Amino acid sequence: MFFYKGYGEHRDLHSVPTRRSSDIRLARTNVACCRASQKILSDFGLNATKSDRIITAKNNADNSGLDILSTAKSGVNYIDAQLDKGNPVMVGVDYDPSKGQSDGEAADHFVVITGRNTDDDGNVTYNFYEVGTKYETKGKSDKNTLKLNSNGSLTGTNYAGKKKFTVTDVRKNKAKGKT
């Protein structure tokens, strides 16, 4: 395991109101998780867009898996810095590499990272809001975790444990009204 500045300090923003994709009424329901994640950031006076992000993983050539990029560590460092400031971070995750995306990126779902924990053995995990449920208790479940791996990737599952998520991009926060 490699070392990142700030580990060891617990950060948790779970007391903040959350939005769920079921709260967002859109004609294209396949983008509701993105919009719900953006609404959560908005509650903090922040926004995040696709144009300013750190790509941490991409689909491999035959869409059978993901290639973790060298920028994964930068993505984790950014998340840590934002959590230390009390800001959540919107991330794209992949749970089905065979899908591929029209823009060539791997994210097929979005969640919002809200906390960081380090256990006695130095293992680092991150909590996230799962916006893809209509139940707030499931959206804020302590089972919604991502583990920091030795290659800098973040992987985990949500409350249901049925889909394995890998963080593929980290959206950079901007204060609302600023470009």
Foldseek 3Di string as FASTA:
>chain_A
DDDAPPPPDKFFDLVQDAAALVNDDDPDSQCSQVVRQQVSQVSVQKGFDPVAKQFQWFQPPQLPDIDGDLCLQVLVNLQSVQSVVVGKWKFFKAQRSNPADPVRGHGSGIWIWGIWHADPVGWIKTAIQHRHDPDRCQRRPPQRIWTQDPSNWTWHDGPVRPTIITTGMITDIDRPPDD
